[in-house]
Amino acid sequence: MSAVIEVAVGIALIAAPDLVAQVLLRAGLTSSGVAVGRLCGIGLLSLGLSCWPGGESVPAQLRGLFAYNVLAAFFLGYLRVGGGFVSYLLWPACVLHALLALLLARPAWVRVRQAP
């Protein structure tokens, strides 16, 4: 049940962070607050995937960390390219998450290929 709640709240934060903040806090978000809210939504979605019951072809922690790093890399890249944010740390953060996703993909790929 906890995994379902985490995934649902994560999806809600990704889709409409301002609405979630309004319902929970009775306050609106600035543009940077929306970006941080969406990144938190990605984290909650990944946490829900880590807790989701399922086959053991890929360990749950690996599944959650891989999902978080892939989604965070794409989102941070989007913020820099199309989101109107110009921080000089967005590219390094994007590259770091992409690198971590690649490092996590290898053990997952090996385990999936070895599974019957």
N, C-alpha and C. Protein backbone atom coordinates (compact mmCIF):
# COMPACT_ATOMS: atom_id res chain seq x y z
N MET A 1 0.82 -1.19 0.00
CA MET A 1 0.00 0.00 0.00
C MET A 1 0.87 1.26 0.00
N SER A 2 1.97 1.21 0.74
CA SER A 2 2.87 2.36 0.80
C SER A 2 3.46 2.67 -0.57
N ALA A 3 3.81 1.64 -1.32
CA ALA A 3 4.38 1.85 -2.65
C ALA A 3 3.37 2.55 -3.56
N VAL A 4 2.12 2.17 -3.47
CA VAL A 4 1.07 2.79 -4.29
C VAL A 4 0.93 4.26 -3.94
N ILE A 5 0.95 4.58 -2.65
CA ILE A 5 0.82 5.97 -2.22
C ILE A 5 2.02 6.79 -2.69
N GLU A 6 3.23 6.25 -2.54
CA GLU A 6 4.43 6.98 -2.97
C GLU A 6 4.41 7.25 -4.47
N VAL A 7 4.03 6.24 -5.25
CA VAL A 7 3.96 6.40 -6.71
C VAL A 7 2.89 7.44 -7.07
N ALA A 8 1.74 7.37 -6.42
CA ALA A 8 0.65 8.31 -6.73
C ALA A 8 1.04 9.75 -6.39
N VAL A 9 1.63 9.96 -5.22
CA VAL A 9 2.04 11.32 -4.85
C VAL A 9 3.19 11.79 -5.74
N GLY A 10 4.10 10.89 -6.10
CA GLY A 10 5.19 11.25 -7.01
C GLY A 10 4.66 11.70 -8.36
N ILE A 11 3.70 10.96 -8.89
CA ILE A 11 3.11 11.33 -10.19
C ILE A 11 2.37 12.67 -10.06
N ALA A 12 1.66 12.85 -8.95
CA ALA A 12 0.96 14.13 -8.75
C ALA A 12 1.94 15.29 -8.67
N LEU A 13 3.07 15.10 -7.97
CA LEU A 13 4.06 16.18 -7.89
C LEU A 13 4.71 16.46 -9.24
N ILE A 14 4.93 15.43 -10.02
CA ILE A 14 5.51 15.65 -11.35
C ILE A 14 4.51 16.38 -12.25
N ALA A 15 3.25 15.98 -12.19
CA ALA A 15 2.24 16.55 -13.08
C ALA A 15 1.79 17.95 -12.66
N ALA A 16 1.55 18.15 -11.36
CA ALA A 16 1.00 19.43 -10.89
C ALA A 16 1.55 19.78 -9.52
N PRO A 17 2.83 20.16 -9.43
CA PRO A 17 3.40 20.45 -8.12
C PRO A 17 2.73 21.64 -7.42
N ASP A 18 2.28 22.62 -8.18
CA ASP A 18 1.63 23.77 -7.57
C ASP A 18 0.31 23.37 -6.91
N LEU A 19 -0.44 22.48 -7.54
CA LEU A 19 -1.70 22.00 -6.97
C LEU A 19 -1.44 21.21 -5.69
N VAL A 20 -0.43 20.36 -5.68
CA VAL A 20 -0.10 19.58 -4.49
C VAL A 20 0.30 20.52 -3.35
N ALA A 21 1.10 21.53 -3.65
CA ALA A 21 1.50 22.49 -2.63
C ALA A 21 0.29 23.28 -2.11
N GLN A 22 -0.61 23.61 -3.00
CA GLN A 22 -1.81 24.34 -2.59
C GLN A 22 -2.68 23.50 -1.67
N VAL A 23 -2.84 22.22 -1.98
CA VAL A 23 -3.66 21.32 -1.17
C VAL A 23 -2.99 21.05 0.18
N LEU A 24 -1.69 20.78 0.17
CA LEU A 24 -0.98 20.43 1.40
C LEU A 24 -0.65 21.63 2.27
N LEU A 25 -0.21 22.72 1.64
CA LEU A 25 0.34 23.85 2.39
C LEU A 25 -0.48 25.13 2.31
N ARG A 26 -1.46 25.15 1.41
CA ARG A 26 -2.24 26.36 1.14
C ARG A 26 -1.34 27.51 0.72
N ALA A 27 -0.36 27.18 -0.13
CA ALA A 27 0.57 28.19 -0.63
C ALA A 27 0.97 27.82 -2.05
N GLY A 28 1.21 28.81 -2.87
CA GLY A 28 1.65 28.58 -4.23
C GLY A 28 3.17 28.43 -4.29
N LEU A 29 3.65 28.05 -5.46
CA LEU A 29 5.08 27.85 -5.67
C LEU A 29 5.59 28.82 -6.73
N THR A 30 6.83 29.25 -6.57
CA THR A 30 7.50 30.02 -7.61
C THR A 30 7.96 29.05 -8.70
N SER A 31 8.55 29.56 -9.76
CA SER A 31 9.02 28.68 -10.83
C SER A 31 10.11 27.73 -10.34
N SER A 32 10.98 28.22 -9.47
CA SER A 32 12.01 27.32 -8.92
C SER A 32 11.38 26.31 -7.96
N GLY A 33 10.33 26.70 -7.25
CA GLY A 33 9.62 25.76 -6.39
C GLY A 33 8.94 24.66 -7.17
N VAL A 34 8.41 25.00 -8.34
CA VAL A 34 7.81 23.99 -9.21
C VAL A 34 8.87 23.00 -9.67
N ALA A 35 10.05 23.51 -10.04
CA ALA A 35 11.14 22.63 -10.49
C ALA A 35 11.57 21.69 -9.37
N VAL A 36 11.74 22.23 -8.16
CA VAL A 36 12.14 21.40 -7.03
C VAL A 36 11.02 20.41 -6.68
N GLY A 37 9.78 20.84 -6.76
CA GLY A 37 8.65 19.95 -6.50
C GLY A 37 8.62 18.78 -7.48
N ARG A 38 8.90 19.06 -8.74
CA ARG A 38 8.94 17.97 -9.73
C ARG A 38 10.11 17.02 -9.46
N LEU A 39 11.24 17.55 -9.05
CA LEU A 39 12.37 16.68 -8.72
C LEU A 39 12.03 15.83 -7.49
N CYS A 40 11.33 16.40 -6.53
CA CYS A 40 10.87 15.61 -5.38
C CYS A 40 9.87 14.55 -5.83
N GLY A 41 9.03 14.88 -6.78
CA GLY A 41 8.10 13.89 -7.33
C GLY A 41 8.83 12.73 -7.98
N ILE A 42 9.92 13.04 -8.68
CA ILE A 42 10.74 11.98 -9.28
C ILE A 42 11.32 11.10 -8.18
N GLY A 43 11.75 11.72 -7.08
CA GLY A 43 12.28 10.95 -5.95
C GLY A 43 11.22 10.06 -5.32
N LEU A 44 10.01 10.57 -5.13
CA LEU A 44 8.95 9.76 -4.55
C LEU A 44 8.52 8.63 -5.49
N LEU A 45 8.47 8.92 -6.77
CA LEU A 45 8.15 7.87 -7.74
C LEU A 45 9.19 6.76 -7.69
N SER A 46 10.44 7.13 -7.61
CA SER A 46 11.53 6.15 -7.53
C SER A 46 11.47 5.36 -6.23
N LEU A 47 11.13 6.03 -5.13
CA LEU A 47 10.97 5.33 -3.86
C LEU A 47 9.84 4.32 -3.95
N GLY A 48 8.75 4.71 -4.57
CA GLY A 48 7.64 3.78 -4.77
C GLY A 48 8.04 2.59 -5.61
N LEU A 49 8.84 2.81 -6.65
CA LEU A 49 9.32 1.70 -7.48
C LEU A 49 10.24 0.78 -6.68
N SER A 50 11.01 1.34 -5.76
CA SER A 50 11.89 0.52 -4.91
C SER A 50 11.08 -0.35 -3.97
N CYS A 51 9.95 0.13 -3.54
CA CYS A 51 9.11 -0.62 -2.60
C CYS A 51 8.11 -1.53 -3.29
N TRP A 52 7.98 -1.39 -4.60
CA TRP A 52 6.97 -2.15 -5.34
C TRP A 52 7.32 -3.63 -5.33
N PRO A 53 6.37 -4.48 -4.97
CA PRO A 53 6.66 -5.92 -5.00
C PRO A 53 6.77 -6.40 -6.44
N GLY A 54 7.60 -7.37 -6.64
CA GLY A 54 7.77 -7.87 -7.99
C GLY A 54 8.83 -8.92 -8.08
N GLY A 55 9.11 -9.32 -9.29
CA GLY A 55 10.14 -10.33 -9.53
C GLY A 55 11.50 -9.85 -9.06
N GLU A 56 12.33 -10.78 -8.76
CA GLU A 56 13.66 -10.45 -8.25
C GLU A 56 14.73 -10.52 -9.33
N SER A 57 14.34 -10.36 -10.60
CA SER A 57 15.37 -10.35 -11.64
C SER A 57 16.28 -9.15 -11.48
N VAL A 58 15.74 -8.05 -10.98
CA VAL A 58 16.53 -6.84 -10.67
C VAL A 58 16.19 -6.45 -9.24
N PRO A 59 17.19 -6.28 -8.37
CA PRO A 59 16.90 -5.87 -6.98
C PRO A 59 16.13 -4.55 -6.93
N ALA A 60 15.26 -4.45 -5.94
CA ALA A 60 14.39 -3.27 -5.82
C ALA A 60 15.18 -1.98 -5.68
N GLN A 61 16.27 -2.01 -4.90
CA GLN A 61 17.05 -0.79 -4.71
C GLN A 61 17.67 -0.34 -6.03
N LEU A 62 18.15 -1.30 -6.80
CA LEU A 62 18.75 -0.98 -8.10
C LEU A 62 17.71 -0.40 -9.04
N ARG A 63 16.52 -0.98 -9.02
CA ARG A 63 15.43 -0.48 -9.86
C ARG A 63 15.09 0.96 -9.50
N GLY A 64 14.96 1.27 -8.21
CA GLY A 64 14.61 2.62 -7.78
C GLY A 64 15.71 3.63 -8.07
N LEU A 65 16.96 3.27 -7.77
CA LEU A 65 18.06 4.20 -8.03
C LEU A 65 18.25 4.46 -9.52
N PHE A 66 18.10 3.42 -10.33
CA PHE A 66 18.22 3.60 -11.78
C PHE A 66 17.13 4.53 -12.29
N ALA A 67 15.89 4.30 -11.86
CA ALA A 67 14.77 5.15 -12.30
C ALA A 67 15.00 6.60 -11.89
N TYR A 68 15.44 6.81 -10.64
CA TYR A 68 15.68 8.17 -10.17
C TYR A 68 16.75 8.87 -11.00
N ASN A 69 17.86 8.19 -11.24
CA ASN A 69 18.96 8.85 -11.96
C ASN A 69 18.61 9.12 -13.42
N VAL A 70 17.91 8.21 -14.06
CA VAL A 70 17.50 8.46 -15.45
C VAL A 70 16.54 9.65 -15.52
N LEU A 71 15.51 9.61 -14.68
CA LEU A 71 14.52 10.69 -14.71
C LEU A 71 15.12 12.03 -14.29
N ALA A 72 15.98 12.02 -13.27
CA ALA A 72 16.62 13.26 -12.82
C ALA A 72 17.53 13.83 -13.91
N ALA A 73 18.27 12.97 -14.60
CA ALA A 73 19.15 13.44 -15.68
C ALA A 73 18.33 14.11 -16.78
N PHE A 74 17.25 13.46 -17.20
CA PHE A 74 16.42 14.06 -18.24
C PHE A 74 15.78 15.36 -17.78
N PHE A 75 15.29 15.38 -16.54
CA PHE A 75 14.62 16.59 -16.05
C PHE A 75 15.59 17.75 -15.89
N LEU A 76 16.76 17.49 -15.34
CA LEU A 76 17.75 18.57 -15.18
C LEU A 76 18.22 19.08 -16.54
N GLY A 77 18.39 18.17 -17.50
CA GLY A 77 18.73 18.60 -18.85
C GLY A 77 17.63 19.45 -19.47
N TYR A 78 16.38 19.03 -19.23
CA TYR A 78 15.25 19.81 -19.74
C TYR A 78 15.23 21.21 -19.11
N LEU A 79 15.47 21.28 -17.81
CA LEU A 79 15.46 22.59 -17.14
C LEU A 79 16.48 23.53 -17.77
N ARG A 80 17.64 23.00 -18.14
CA ARG A 80 18.70 23.84 -18.72
C ARG A 80 18.39 24.22 -20.16
N VAL A 81 17.88 23.27 -20.93
CA VAL A 81 17.65 23.52 -22.36
C VAL A 81 16.32 24.22 -22.62
N GLY A 82 15.24 23.70 -22.06
CA GLY A 82 13.93 24.24 -22.40
C GLY A 82 13.17 24.86 -21.25
N GLY A 83 13.68 24.76 -20.04
CA GLY A 83 12.95 25.24 -18.89
C GLY A 83 13.23 26.67 -18.51
N GLY A 84 14.21 27.29 -19.15
CA GLY A 84 14.51 28.68 -18.87
C GLY A 84 15.42 28.91 -17.67
N PHE A 85 16.01 27.85 -17.12
CA PHE A 85 16.92 28.01 -16.01
C PHE A 85 18.35 28.05 -16.55
N VAL A 86 19.19 28.91 -15.98
CA VAL A 86 20.53 29.11 -16.53
C VAL A 86 21.65 28.85 -15.53
N SER A 87 21.37 28.15 -14.47
CA SER A 87 22.40 27.87 -13.47
C SER A 87 23.54 27.08 -14.10
N TYR A 88 24.76 27.43 -13.74
CA TYR A 88 25.92 26.74 -14.30
C TYR A 88 26.10 25.35 -13.71
N LEU A 89 25.36 25.00 -12.67
CA LEU A 89 25.47 23.65 -12.08
C LEU A 89 24.46 22.65 -12.64
N LEU A 90 23.54 23.11 -13.50
CA LEU A 90 22.56 22.17 -14.05
C LEU A 90 23.21 21.14 -14.96
N TRP A 91 24.15 21.55 -15.82
CA TRP A 91 24.81 20.58 -16.70
C TRP A 91 25.63 19.56 -15.92
N PRO A 92 26.47 19.97 -14.96
CA PRO A 92 27.20 18.96 -14.20
C PRO A 92 26.27 18.00 -13.45
N ALA A 93 25.18 18.52 -12.89
CA ALA A 93 24.23 17.64 -12.19
C ALA A 93 23.57 16.67 -13.17
N CYS A 94 23.24 17.16 -14.36
CA CYS A 94 22.64 16.30 -15.39
C CYS A 94 23.61 15.20 -15.80
N VAL A 95 24.86 15.56 -16.04
CA VAL A 95 25.87 14.59 -16.45
C VAL A 95 26.13 13.58 -15.33
N LEU A 96 26.19 14.05 -14.09
CA LEU A 96 26.41 13.15 -12.96
C LEU A 96 25.29 12.11 -12.85
N HIS A 97 24.04 12.55 -12.96
CA HIS A 97 22.93 11.60 -12.88
C HIS A 97 22.91 10.64 -14.08
N ALA A 98 23.27 11.14 -15.25
CA ALA A 98 23.34 10.25 -16.42
C ALA A 98 24.45 9.21 -16.25
N LEU A 99 25.58 9.63 -15.72
CA LEU A 99 26.68 8.70 -15.47
C LEU A 99 26.28 7.65 -14.43
N LEU A 100 25.64 8.08 -13.36
CA LEU A 100 25.18 7.12 -12.35
C LEU A 100 24.16 6.15 -12.94
N ALA A 101 23.28 6.64 -13.80
CA ALA A 101 22.30 5.76 -14.44
C ALA A 101 23.00 4.72 -15.31
N LEU A 102 24.02 5.13 -16.04
CA LEU A 102 24.77 4.17 -16.86
C LEU A 102 25.48 3.14 -16.00
N LEU A 103 26.05 3.57 -14.89
CA LEU A 103 26.72 2.64 -13.99
C LEU A 103 25.74 1.66 -13.35
N LEU A 104 24.53 2.11 -13.08
CA LEU A 104 23.51 1.23 -12.51
C LEU A 104 22.87 0.33 -13.55
N ALA A 105 22.91 0.73 -14.81
CA ALA A 105 22.29 -0.06 -15.86
C ALA A 105 23.05 -1.35 -16.12
N ARG A 106 24.35 -1.32 -15.99
CA ARG A 106 25.14 -2.52 -16.28
C ARG A 106 24.79 -3.69 -15.38
N PRO A 107 24.81 -3.55 -14.04
CA PRO A 107 24.45 -4.70 -13.22
C PRO A 107 23.01 -5.16 -13.44
N ALA A 108 22.11 -4.22 -13.70
CA ALA A 108 20.72 -4.60 -13.98
C ALA A 108 20.64 -5.40 -15.27
N TRP A 109 21.33 -4.96 -16.29
CA TRP A 109 21.33 -5.65 -17.57
C TRP A 109 21.90 -7.07 -17.42
N VAL A 110 22.98 -7.21 -16.69
CA VAL A 110 23.59 -8.52 -16.48
C VAL A 110 22.63 -9.44 -15.76
N ARG A 111 21.96 -8.95 -14.72
CA ARG A 111 21.02 -9.78 -13.96
C ARG A 111 19.83 -10.18 -14.80
N VAL A 112 19.32 -9.29 -15.63
CA VAL A 112 18.17 -9.61 -16.47
C VAL A 112 18.55 -10.66 -17.50
N ARG A 113 19.74 -10.56 -18.05
CA ARG A 113 20.18 -11.53 -19.07
C ARG A 113 20.44 -12.89 -18.47
N GLN A 114 20.81 -12.95 -17.17
CA GLN A 114 21.08 -14.22 -16.53
C GLN A 114 19.81 -14.89 -16.00
N ALA A 115 18.74 -14.13 -15.86
CA ALA A 115 17.49 -14.68 -15.33
C ALA A 115 16.90 -15.68 -16.34
N PRO A 116 16.31 -16.77 -15.81
CA PRO A 116 15.72 -17.76 -16.73
C PRO A 116 14.49 -17.28 -17.42
